[in-house]
């Protein structure tokens, strides 16, 4: 404690919200916006992960059903109107 008292910032730099109502309101609003943005980011990440899990399960079920029907599973992706990639996977 002696070290702290000897090396700490003096009372002339002590911060107070006294007589600073407008600044306090702005500070609280900024913290609230930050908290809300963090929660939205967490929700978006959760939705993204859930979407990937559902898509993985859907792809697995579709591939198994295609294999049971003895037809090849195919995937077609189009990057631009003039360039298309086609991948065919047979089971």
PDB file of N, CA and C in Angstrom:
ATOM      1  N   UNK A   1       0.819  -1.186   0.000  1.00  0.00           N
ATOM      2  CA  UNK A   1       0.000   0.000   0.000  1.00  0.00           C
ATOM      3  C   UNK A   1       0.869   1.258   0.000  1.00  0.00           C
ATOM      4  N   UNK A   2       2.002   1.176   0.640  1.00  0.00           N
ATOM      5  CA  UNK A   2       2.911   2.326   0.675  1.00  0.00           C
ATOM      6  C   UNK A   2       3.416   2.663  -0.722  1.00  0.00           C
ATOM      7  N   UNK A   3       3.736   1.605  -1.505  1.00  0.00           N
ATOM      8  CA  UNK A   3       4.196   1.817  -2.875  1.00  0.00           C
ATOM      9  C   UNK A   3       3.121   2.541  -3.686  1.00  0.00           C
ATOM     10  N   UNK A   4       1.871   2.098  -3.538  1.00  0.00           N
ATOM     11  CA  UNK A   4       0.770   2.717  -4.276  1.00  0.00           C
ATOM     12  C   UNK A   4       0.622   4.181  -3.879  1.00  0.00           C
ATOM     13  N   UNK A   5       0.634   4.463  -2.618  1.00  0.00           N
ATOM     14  CA  UNK A   5       0.464   5.840  -2.163  1.00  0.00           C
ATOM     15  C   UNK A   5       1.616   6.729  -2.638  1.00  0.00           C
ATOM     16  N   UNK A   6       2.816   6.161  -2.726  1.00  0.00           N
ATOM     17  CA  UNK A   6       3.968   6.953  -3.148  1.00  0.00           C
ATOM     18  C   UNK A   6       3.985   7.186  -4.659  1.00  0.00           C
ATOM     19  N   UNK A   7       3.440   6.220  -5.450  1.00  0.00           N
ATOM     20  CA  UNK A   7       3.551   6.287  -6.911  1.00  0.00           C
ATOM     21  C   UNK A   7       2.233   6.530  -7.640  1.00  0.00           C
ATOM     22  N   UNK A   8       1.132   6.543  -6.944  1.00  0.00           N
ATOM     23  CA  UNK A   8      -0.173   6.709  -7.598  1.00  0.00           C
ATOM     24  C   UNK A   8      -0.339   8.142  -8.099  1.00  0.00           C
ATOM     25  N   UNK A   9      -1.258   8.287  -9.022  1.00  0.00           N
ATOM     26  CA  UNK A   9      -1.580   9.615  -9.536  1.00  0.00           C
ATOM     27  C   UNK A   9      -2.231  10.403  -8.411  1.00  0.00           C
ATOM     28  N   UNK A  10      -1.870  11.642  -8.302  1.00  0.00           N
ATOM     29  CA  UNK A  10      -2.342  12.472  -7.199  1.00  0.00           C
ATOM     30  C   UNK A  10      -3.803  12.855  -7.308  1.00  0.00           C
ATOM     31  N   UNK A  11      -4.360  13.410  -6.240  1.00  0.00           N
ATOM     32  CA  UNK A  11      -5.787  13.762  -6.206  1.00  0.00           C
ATOM     33  C   UNK A  11      -6.164  14.848  -7.214  1.00  0.00           C
ATOM     34  N   UNK A  12      -5.196  15.598  -7.724  1.00  0.00           N
ATOM     35  CA  UNK A  12      -5.540  16.631  -8.708  1.00  0.00           C
ATOM     36  C   UNK A  12      -6.014  16.034 -10.034  1.00  0.00           C
ATOM     37  N   UNK A  13      -5.715  14.748 -10.261  1.00  0.00           N
ATOM     38  CA  UNK A  13      -6.161  14.085 -11.488  1.00  0.00           C
ATOM     39  C   UNK A  13      -7.342  13.147 -11.248  1.00  0.00           C
ATOM     40  N   UNK A  14      -7.916  13.181 -10.067  1.00  0.00           N
ATOM     41  CA  UNK A  14      -9.040  12.312  -9.731  1.00  0.00           C
ATOM     42  C   UNK A  14     -10.261  12.722 -10.554  1.00  0.00           C
ATOM     43  N   UNK A  15     -10.886  11.748 -11.215  1.00  0.00           N
ATOM     44  CA  UNK A  15     -12.035  12.034 -12.068  1.00  0.00           C
ATOM     45  C   UNK A  15     -13.314  11.962 -11.255  1.00  0.00           C
ATOM     46  N   UNK A  16     -14.255  12.807 -11.592  1.00  0.00           N
ATOM     47  CA  UNK A  16     -15.556  12.815 -10.944  1.00  0.00           C
ATOM     48  C   UNK A  16     -16.615  13.155 -11.978  1.00  0.00           C
ATOM     49  N   UNK A  17     -17.783  12.538 -11.839  1.00  0.00           N
ATOM     50  CA  UNK A  17     -18.901  12.841 -12.720  1.00  0.00           C
ATOM     51  C   UNK A  17     -19.738  13.991 -12.155  1.00  0.00           C
ATOM     52  N   UNK A  18     -19.321  14.551 -11.057  1.00  0.00           N
ATOM     53  CA  UNK A  18     -20.052  15.649 -10.432  1.00  0.00           C
ATOM     54  C   UNK A  18     -20.084  16.851 -11.391  1.00  0.00           C
ATOM     55  N   UNK A  19     -21.252  17.437 -11.554  1.00  0.00           N
ATOM     56  CA  UNK A  19     -21.467  18.563 -12.465  1.00  0.00           C
ATOM     57  C   UNK A  19     -21.155  18.212 -13.921  1.00  0.00           C
ATOM     58  N   UNK A  20     -21.329  16.963 -14.275  1.00  0.00           N
ATOM     59  CA  UNK A  20     -21.070  16.532 -15.658  1.00  0.00           C
ATOM     60  C   UNK A  20     -22.205  15.616 -16.116  1.00  0.00           C
ATOM     61  N   UNK A  21     -23.437  16.059 -15.920  1.00  0.00           N
ATOM     62  CA  UNK A  21     -24.589  15.220 -16.264  1.00  0.00           C
ATOM     63  C   UNK A  21     -24.655  14.888 -17.746  1.00  0.00           C
ATOM     64  N   UNK A  22     -24.402  15.860 -18.597  1.00  0.00           N
ATOM     65  CA  UNK A  22     -24.454  15.622 -20.039  1.00  0.00           C
ATOM     66  C   UNK A  22     -23.394  14.601 -20.460  1.00  0.00           C
ATOM     67  N   UNK A  23     -22.180  14.755 -19.928  1.00  0.00           N
ATOM     68  CA  UNK A  23     -21.105  13.818 -20.244  1.00  0.00           C
ATOM     69  C   UNK A  23     -21.429  12.428 -19.728  1.00  0.00           C
ATOM     70  N   UNK A  24     -22.046  12.330 -18.545  1.00  0.00           N
ATOM     71  CA  UNK A  24     -22.419  11.031 -17.970  1.00  0.00           C
ATOM     72  C   UNK A  24     -23.462  10.350 -18.856  1.00  0.00           C
ATOM     73  N   UNK A  25     -24.443  11.115 -19.308  1.00  0.00           N
ATOM     74  CA  UNK A  25     -25.464  10.544 -20.184  1.00  0.00           C
ATOM     75  C   UNK A  25     -24.857  10.059 -21.502  1.00  0.00           C
ATOM     76  N   UNK A  26     -23.954  10.830 -22.054  1.00  0.00           N
ATOM     77  CA  UNK A  26     -23.292  10.429 -23.301  1.00  0.00           C
ATOM     78  C   UNK A  26     -22.440   9.181 -23.088  1.00  0.00           C
ATOM     79  N   UNK A  27     -21.750   9.127 -21.979  1.00  0.00           N
ATOM     80  CA  UNK A  27     -20.933   7.952 -21.648  1.00  0.00           C
ATOM     81  C   UNK A  27     -21.809   6.703 -21.531  1.00  0.00           C
ATOM     82  N   UNK A  28     -22.923   6.820 -20.797  1.00  0.00           N
ATOM     83  CA  UNK A  28     -23.824   5.681 -20.624  1.00  0.00           C
ATOM     84  C   UNK A  28     -24.426   5.259 -21.973  1.00  0.00           C
ATOM     85  N   UNK A  29     -24.775   6.214 -22.808  1.00  0.00           N
ATOM     86  CA  UNK A  29     -25.332   5.891 -24.122  1.00  0.00           C
ATOM     87  C   UNK A  29     -24.291   5.163 -24.976  1.00  0.00           C
ATOM     88  N   UNK A  30     -23.040   5.595 -24.906  1.00  0.00           N
ATOM     89  CA  UNK A  30     -21.969   4.953 -25.672  1.00  0.00           C
ATOM     90  C   UNK A  30     -21.747   3.523 -25.191  1.00  0.00           C
ATOM     91  N   UNK A  31     -21.730   3.321 -23.881  1.00  0.00           N
ATOM     92  CA  UNK A  31     -21.562   1.976 -23.322  1.00  0.00           C
ATOM     93  C   UNK A  31     -22.743   1.091 -23.717  1.00  0.00           C
ATOM     94  N   UNK A  32     -23.944   1.651 -23.683  1.00  0.00           N
ATOM     95  CA  UNK A  32     -25.130   0.885 -24.058  1.00  0.00           C
ATOM     96  C   UNK A  32     -25.076   0.476 -25.535  1.00  0.00           C
ATOM     97  N   UNK A  33     -24.675   1.386 -26.412  1.00  0.00           N
ATOM     98  CA  UNK A  33     -24.545   1.049 -27.845  1.00  0.00           C
ATOM     99  C   UNK A  33     -23.493  -0.036 -28.052  1.00  0.00           C
ATOM    100  N   UNK A  34     -22.405   0.065 -27.319  1.00  0.00           N
ATOM    101  CA  UNK A  34     -21.352  -0.940 -27.429  1.00  0.00           C
ATOM    102  C   UNK A  34     -21.847  -2.312 -26.965  1.00  0.00           C
ATOM    103  N   UNK A  35     -22.555  -2.333 -25.852  1.00  0.00           N
ATOM    104  CA  UNK A  35     -23.104  -3.602 -25.348  1.00  0.00           C
ATOM    105  C   UNK A  35     -24.089  -4.209 -26.332  1.00  0.00           C
ATOM    106  N   UNK A  36     -24.946  -3.373 -26.903  1.00  0.00           N
ATOM    107  CA  UNK A  36     -25.920  -3.869 -27.879  1.00  0.00           C
ATOM    108  C   UNK A  36     -25.236  -4.413 -29.131  1.00  0.00           C
ATOM    109  N   UNK A  37     -24.206  -3.743 -29.594  1.00  0.00           N
ATOM    110  CA  UNK A  37     -23.471  -4.221 -30.774  1.00  0.00           C
ATOM    111  C   UNK A  37     -22.802  -5.559 -30.487  1.00  0.00           C
ATOM    112  N   UNK A  38     -22.271  -5.717 -29.291  1.00  0.00           N
ATOM    113  CA  UNK A  38     -21.636  -6.982 -28.913  1.00  0.00           C
ATOM    114  C   UNK A  38     -22.668  -8.112 -28.884  1.00  0.00           C
ATOM    115  N   UNK A  39     -23.842  -7.840 -28.316  1.00  0.00           N
ATOM    116  CA  UNK A  39     -24.894  -8.860 -28.278  1.00  0.00           C
ATOM    117  C   UNK A  39     -25.364  -9.219 -29.683  1.00  0.00           C
ATOM    118  N   UNK A  40     -25.508  -8.217 -30.555  1.00  0.00           N
ATOM    119  CA  UNK A  40     -25.905  -8.504 -31.940  1.00  0.00           C
ATOM    120  C   UNK A  40     -24.856  -9.362 -32.636  1.00  0.00           C
ATOM    121  N   UNK A  41     -23.596  -9.062 -32.405  1.00  0.00           N
ATOM    122  CA  UNK A  41     -22.520  -9.852 -33.023  1.00  0.00           C
ATOM    123  C   UNK A  41     -22.561 -11.291 -32.527  1.00  0.00           C
ATOM    124  N   UNK A  42     -22.805 -11.486 -31.237  1.00  0.00           N
ATOM    125  CA  UNK A  42     -22.912 -12.843 -30.701  1.00  0.00           C
ATOM    126  C   UNK A  42     -24.087 -13.576 -31.331  1.00  0.00           C
ATOM    127  N   UNK A  43     -25.224 -12.893 -31.459  1.00  0.00           N
ATOM    128  CA  UNK A  43     -26.402 -13.519 -32.075  1.00  0.00           C
ATOM    129  C   UNK A  43     -26.131 -13.896 -33.522  1.00  0.00           C
ATOM    130  N   UNK A  44     -25.484 -13.018 -34.266  1.00  0.00           N
ATOM    131  CA  UNK A  44     -25.176 -13.305 -35.668  1.00  0.00           C
ATOM    132  C   UNK A  44     -24.233 -14.492 -35.794  1.00  0.00           C
ATOM    133  N   UNK A  45     -23.254 -14.560 -34.914  1.00  0.00           N
ATOM    134  CA  UNK A  45     -22.329 -15.696 -34.938  1.00  0.00           C
ATOM    135  C   UNK A  45     -23.059 -16.998 -34.626  1.00  0.00           C
ATOM    136  N   UNK A  46     -23.959 -16.955 -33.651  1.00  0.00           N
ATOM    137  CA  UNK A  46     -24.757 -18.138 -33.323  1.00  0.00           C
ATOM    138  C   UNK A  46     -25.612 -18.582 -34.489  1.00  0.00           C
ATOM    139  N   UNK A  47     -26.244 -17.622 -35.165  1.00  0.00           N
ATOM    140  CA  UNK A  47     -27.056 -17.958 -36.332  1.00  0.00           C
ATOM    141  C   UNK A  47     -26.205 -18.537 -37.463  1.00  0.00           C
ATOM    142  N   UNK A  48     -25.022 -17.981 -37.656  1.00  0.00           N
ATOM    143  CA  UNK A  48     -24.120 -18.490 -38.690  1.00  0.00           C
ATOM    144  C   UNK A  48     -23.725 -19.942 -38.405  1.00  0.00           C
ATOM    145  N   UNK A  49     -23.366 -20.226 -37.167  1.00  0.00           N
ATOM    146  CA  UNK A  49     -22.990 -21.594 -36.807  1.00  0.00           C
ATOM    147  C   UNK A  49     -24.173 -22.544 -36.942  1.00  0.00           C
ATOM    148  N   UNK A  50     -25.356 -22.119 -36.507  1.00  0.00           N
ATOM    149  CA  UNK A  50     -26.546 -22.958 -36.632  1.00  0.00           C
ATOM    150  C   UNK A  50     -26.843 -23.237 -38.110  1.00  0.00           C
ATOM    151  N   UNK A  51     -26.696 -22.228 -38.962  1.00  0.00           N
ATOM    152  CA  UNK A  51     -26.916 -22.411 -40.392  1.00  0.00           C
ATOM    153  C   UNK A  51     -25.941 -23.430 -40.970  1.00  0.00           C
ATOM    154  N   UNK A  52     -24.682 -23.365 -40.562  1.00  0.00           N
ATOM    155  CA  UNK A  52     -23.696 -24.323 -41.064  1.00  0.00           C
ATOM    156  C   UNK A  52     -24.033 -25.744 -40.609  1.00  0.00           C
ATOM    157  N   UNK A  53     -24.477 -25.896 -39.394  1.00  0.00           N
ATOM    158  CA  UNK A  53     -24.826 -27.234 -38.890  1.00  0.00           C
ATOM    159  C   UNK A  53     -26.022 -27.788 -39.650  1.00  0.00           C
ATOM    160  N   UNK A  54     -27.060 -26.967 -39.832  1.00  0.00           N
ATOM    161  CA  UNK A  54     -28.246 -27.409 -40.571  1.00  0.00           C
ATOM    162  C   UNK A  54     -27.888 -27.730 -42.014  1.00  0.00           C
ATOM    163  N   UNK A  55     -27.049 -26.929 -42.639  1.00  0.00           N
ATOM    164  CA  UNK A  55     -26.635 -27.186 -44.022  1.00  0.00           C
ATOM    165  C   UNK A  55     -25.848 -28.483 -44.137  1.00  0.00           C
ATOM    166  N   UNK A  56     -25.007 -28.757 -43.157  1.00  0.00           N
ATOM    167  CA  UNK A  56     -24.234 -30.000 -43.166  1.00  0.00           C
ATOM    168  C   UNK A  56     -25.157 -31.209 -43.065  1.00  0.00           C
ATOM    169  N   UNK A  57     -26.130 -31.137 -42.166  1.00  0.00           N
ATOM    170  CA  UNK A  57     -27.077 -32.251 -42.005  1.00  0.00           C
ATOM    171  C   UNK A  57     -27.896 -32.423 -43.277  1.00  0.00           C
ATOM    172  N   UNK A  58     -28.336 -31.322 -43.870  1.00  0.00           N
ATOM    173  CA  UNK A  58     -29.109 -31.389 -45.106  1.00  0.00           C
ATOM    174  C   UNK A  58     -28.298 -32.027 -46.230  1.00  0.00           C
ATOM    175  N   UNK A  59     -27.036 -31.648 -46.362  1.00  0.00           N
ATOM    176  CA  UNK A  59     -26.181 -32.231 -47.403  1.00  0.00           C
ATOM    177  C   UNK A  59     -25.990 -33.728 -47.179  1.00  0.00           C
ATOM    178  N   UNK A  60     -25.815 -34.137 -45.939  1.00  0.00           N
ATOM    179  CA  UNK A  60     -25.643 -35.564 -45.634  1.00  0.00           C
ATOM    180  C   UNK A  60     -26.903 -36.341 -45.977  1.00  0.00           C
ATOM    181  N   UNK A  61     -28.061 -35.832 -45.569  1.00  0.00           N
ATOM    182  CA  UNK A  61     -29.321 -36.515 -45.866  1.00  0.00           C
ATOM    183  C   UNK A  61     -29.557 -36.571 -47.380  1.00  0.00           C
ATOM    184  N   UNK A  62     -29.308 -35.480 -48.074  1.00  0.00           N
ATOM    185  CA  UNK A  62     -29.504 -35.459 -49.531  1.00  0.00           C
ATOM    186  C   UNK A  62     -28.580 -36.450 -50.228  1.00  0.00           C
ATOM    187  N   UNK A  63     -27.343 -36.537 -49.788  1.00  0.00           N
ATOM    188  CA  UNK A  63     -26.400 -37.482 -50.396  1.00  0.00           C
ATOM    189  C   UNK A  63     -26.828 -38.918 -50.137  1.00  0.00           C
ATOM    190  N   UNK A  64     -27.281 -39.198 -48.934  1.00  0.00           N
ATOM    191  CA  UNK A  64     -27.732 -40.569 -48.627  1.00  0.00           C
ATOM    192  C   UNK A  64     -28.976 -40.933 -49.429  1.00  0.00           C
ATOM    193  N   UNK A  65     -29.918 -40.008 -49.563  1.00  0.00           N
ATOM    194  CA  UNK A  65     -31.123 -40.285 -50.353  1.00  0.00           C
ATOM    195  C   UNK A  65     -30.782 -40.480 -51.826  1.00  0.00           C
ATOM    196  N   UNK A  66     -29.855 -39.708 -52.331  1.00  0.00           N
ATOM    197  CA  UNK A  66     -29.430 -39.875 -53.724  1.00  0.00           C
ATOM    198  C   UNK A  66     -28.769 -41.227 -53.920  1.00  0.00           C
ATOM    199  N   UNK A  67     -27.995 -41.655 -52.944  1.00  0.00           N
ATOM    200  CA  UNK A  67     -27.334 -42.963 -53.042  1.00  0.00           C
ATOM    201  C   UNK A  67     -28.368 -44.089 -52.994  1.00  0.00           C
ATOM    202  N   UNK A  68     -29.380 -43.953 -52.153  1.00  0.00           N
ATOM    203  CA  UNK A  68     -30.429 -44.981 -52.082  1.00  0.00           C
ATOM    204  C   UNK A  68     -31.215 -45.062 -53.382  1.00  0.00           C
ATOM    205  N   UNK A  69     -31.411 -43.949 -54.047  1.00  0.00           N
ATOM    206  CA  UNK A  69     -32.146 -43.919 -55.308  1.00  0.00           C
ATOM    207  C   UNK A  69     -31.249 -44.304 -56.484  1.00  0.00           C
ATOM    208  N   UNK A  70     -29.985 -44.585 -56.213  1.00  0.00           N
ATOM    209  CA  UNK A  70     -28.995 -44.968 -57.228  1.00  0.00           C
ATOM    210  C   UNK A  70     -28.886 -43.932 -58.338  1.00  0.00           C
ATOM    211  N   UNK A  71     -28.841 -42.699 -57.958  1.00  0.00           N
ATOM    212  CA  UNK A  71     -28.624 -41.630 -58.917  1.00  0.00           C
ATOM    213  C   UNK A  71     -27.443 -40.790 -58.415  1.00  0.00           C
ATOM    214  N   UNK A  72     -26.690 -40.223 -59.314  1.00  0.00           N
ATOM    215  CA  UNK A  72     -25.540 -39.430 -58.872  1.00  0.00           C
ATOM    216  C   UNK A  72     -25.992 -38.109 -58.239  1.00  0.00           C
ATOM    217  N   UNK A  73     -25.296 -37.738 -57.234  1.00  0.00           N
ATOM    218  CA  UNK A  73     -25.544 -36.432 -56.634  1.00  0.00           C
ATOM    219  C   UNK A  73     -24.707 -35.411 -57.391  1.00  0.00           C
ATOM    220  N   UNK A  74     -25.272 -34.256 -57.639  1.00  0.00           N
ATOM    221  CA  UNK A  74     -24.509 -33.252 -58.372  1.00  0.00           C
ATOM    222  C   UNK A  74     -24.655 -31.896 -57.687  1.00  0.00           C
ATOM    223  N   UNK A  75     -23.663 -31.106 -57.924  1.00  0.00           N
ATOM    224  CA  UNK A  75     -23.631 -29.765 -57.369  1.00  0.00           C
ATOM    225  C   UNK A  75     -23.206 -28.833 -58.481  1.00  0.00           C
ATOM    226  N   UNK A  76     -23.963 -27.768 -58.680  1.00  0.00           N
ATOM    227  CA  UNK A  76     -23.610 -26.804 -59.717  1.00  0.00           C
ATOM    228  C   UNK A  76     -23.523 -25.429 -59.085  1.00  0.00           C
ATOM    229  N   UNK A  77     -22.416 -24.762 -59.345  1.00  0.00           N
ATOM    230  CA  UNK A  77     -22.187 -23.427 -58.806  1.00  0.00           C
ATOM    231  C   UNK A  77     -21.858 -22.496 -59.953  1.00  0.00           C
ATOM    232  N   UNK A  78     -22.484 -21.341 -59.971  1.00  0.00           N
ATOM    233  CA  UNK A  78     -22.229 -20.371 -61.028  1.00  0.00           C
ATOM    234  C   UNK A  78     -21.624 -19.120 -60.402  1.00  0.00           C
ATOM    235  N   UNK A  79     -20.422 -18.784 -60.842  1.00  0.00           N
ATOM    236  CA  UNK A  79     -19.706 -17.627 -60.311  1.00  0.00           C
ATOM    237  C   UNK A  79     -20.165 -16.350 -61.001  1.00  0.00           C
ATOM    238  N   UNK A  80     -20.286 -16.407 -62.311  1.00  0.00           N
ATOM    239  CA  UNK A  80     -20.723 -15.259 -63.098  1.00  0.00           C
ATOM    240  C   UNK A  80     -21.570 -15.791 -64.257  1.00  0.00           C
ATOM    241  N   UNK A  81     -22.241 -14.926 -64.985  1.00  0.00           N
ATOM    242  CA  UNK A  81     -23.073 -15.410 -66.092  1.00  0.00           C
ATOM    243  C   UNK A  81     -22.287 -16.177 -67.163  1.00  0.00           C
ATOM    244  N   UNK A  82     -20.987 -15.918 -67.278  1.00  0.00           N
ATOM    245  CA  UNK A  82     -20.202 -16.552 -68.343  1.00  0.00           C
ATOM    246  C   UNK A  82     -19.309 -17.681 -67.834  1.00  0.00           C
ATOM    247  N   UNK A  83     -19.235 -17.866 -66.544  1.00  0.00           N
ATOM    248  CA  UNK A  83     -18.331 -18.875 -65.982  1.00  0.00           C
ATOM    249  C   UNK A  83     -19.111 -19.744 -65.010  1.00  0.00           C
ATOM    250  N   UNK A  84     -19.249 -21.015 -65.327  1.00  0.00           N
ATOM    251  CA  UNK A  84     -19.965 -21.942 -64.441  1.00  0.00           C
ATOM    252  C   UNK A  84     -19.071 -23.136 -64.143  1.00  0.00           C
ATOM    253  N   UNK A  85     -19.098 -23.583 -62.923  1.00  0.00           N
ATOM    254  CA  UNK A  85     -18.356 -24.769 -62.525  1.00  0.00           C
ATOM    255  C   UNK A  85     -19.362 -25.855 -62.198  1.00  0.00           C
ATOM    256  N   UNK A  86     -19.115 -27.035 -62.649  1.00  0.00           N
ATOM    257  CA  UNK A  86     -19.995 -28.140 -62.332  1.00  0.00           C
ATOM    258  C   UNK A  86     -19.175 -29.277 -61.753  1.00  0.00           C
ATOM    259  N   UNK A  87     -19.635 -29.755 -60.607  1.00  0.00           N
ATOM    260  CA  UNK A  87     -18.980 -30.889 -59.955  1.00  0.00           C
ATOM    261  C   UNK A  87     -20.023 -31.985 -59.823  1.00  0.00           C
ATOM    262  N   UNK A  88     -19.691 -33.160 -60.296  1.00  0.00           N
ATOM    263  CA  UNK A  88     -20.612 -34.294 -60.175  1.00  0.00           C
ATOM    264  C   UNK A  88     -19.953 -35.363 -59.332  1.00  0.00           C
ATOM    265  N   UNK A  89     -20.669 -35.789 -58.333  1.00  0.00           N
ATOM    266  CA  UNK A  89     -20.161 -36.828 -57.440  1.00  0.00           C
ATOM    267  C   UNK A  89     -21.138 -37.980 -57.507  1.00  0.00           C
ATOM    268  N   UNK A  90     -20.653 -39.156 -57.832  1.00  0.00           N
ATOM    269  CA  UNK A  90     -21.502 -40.336 -57.898  1.00  0.00           C
ATOM    270  C   UNK A  90     -21.259 -41.217 -56.685  1.00  0.00           C
ATOM    271  N   UNK A  91     -22.324 -41.762 -56.162  1.00  0.00           N
ATOM    272  CA  UNK A  91     -22.221 -42.666 -54.998  1.00  0.00           C
ATOM    273  C   UNK A  91     -22.463 -44.083 -55.424  1.00  0.00           C
TER     274      UNK A  91
END
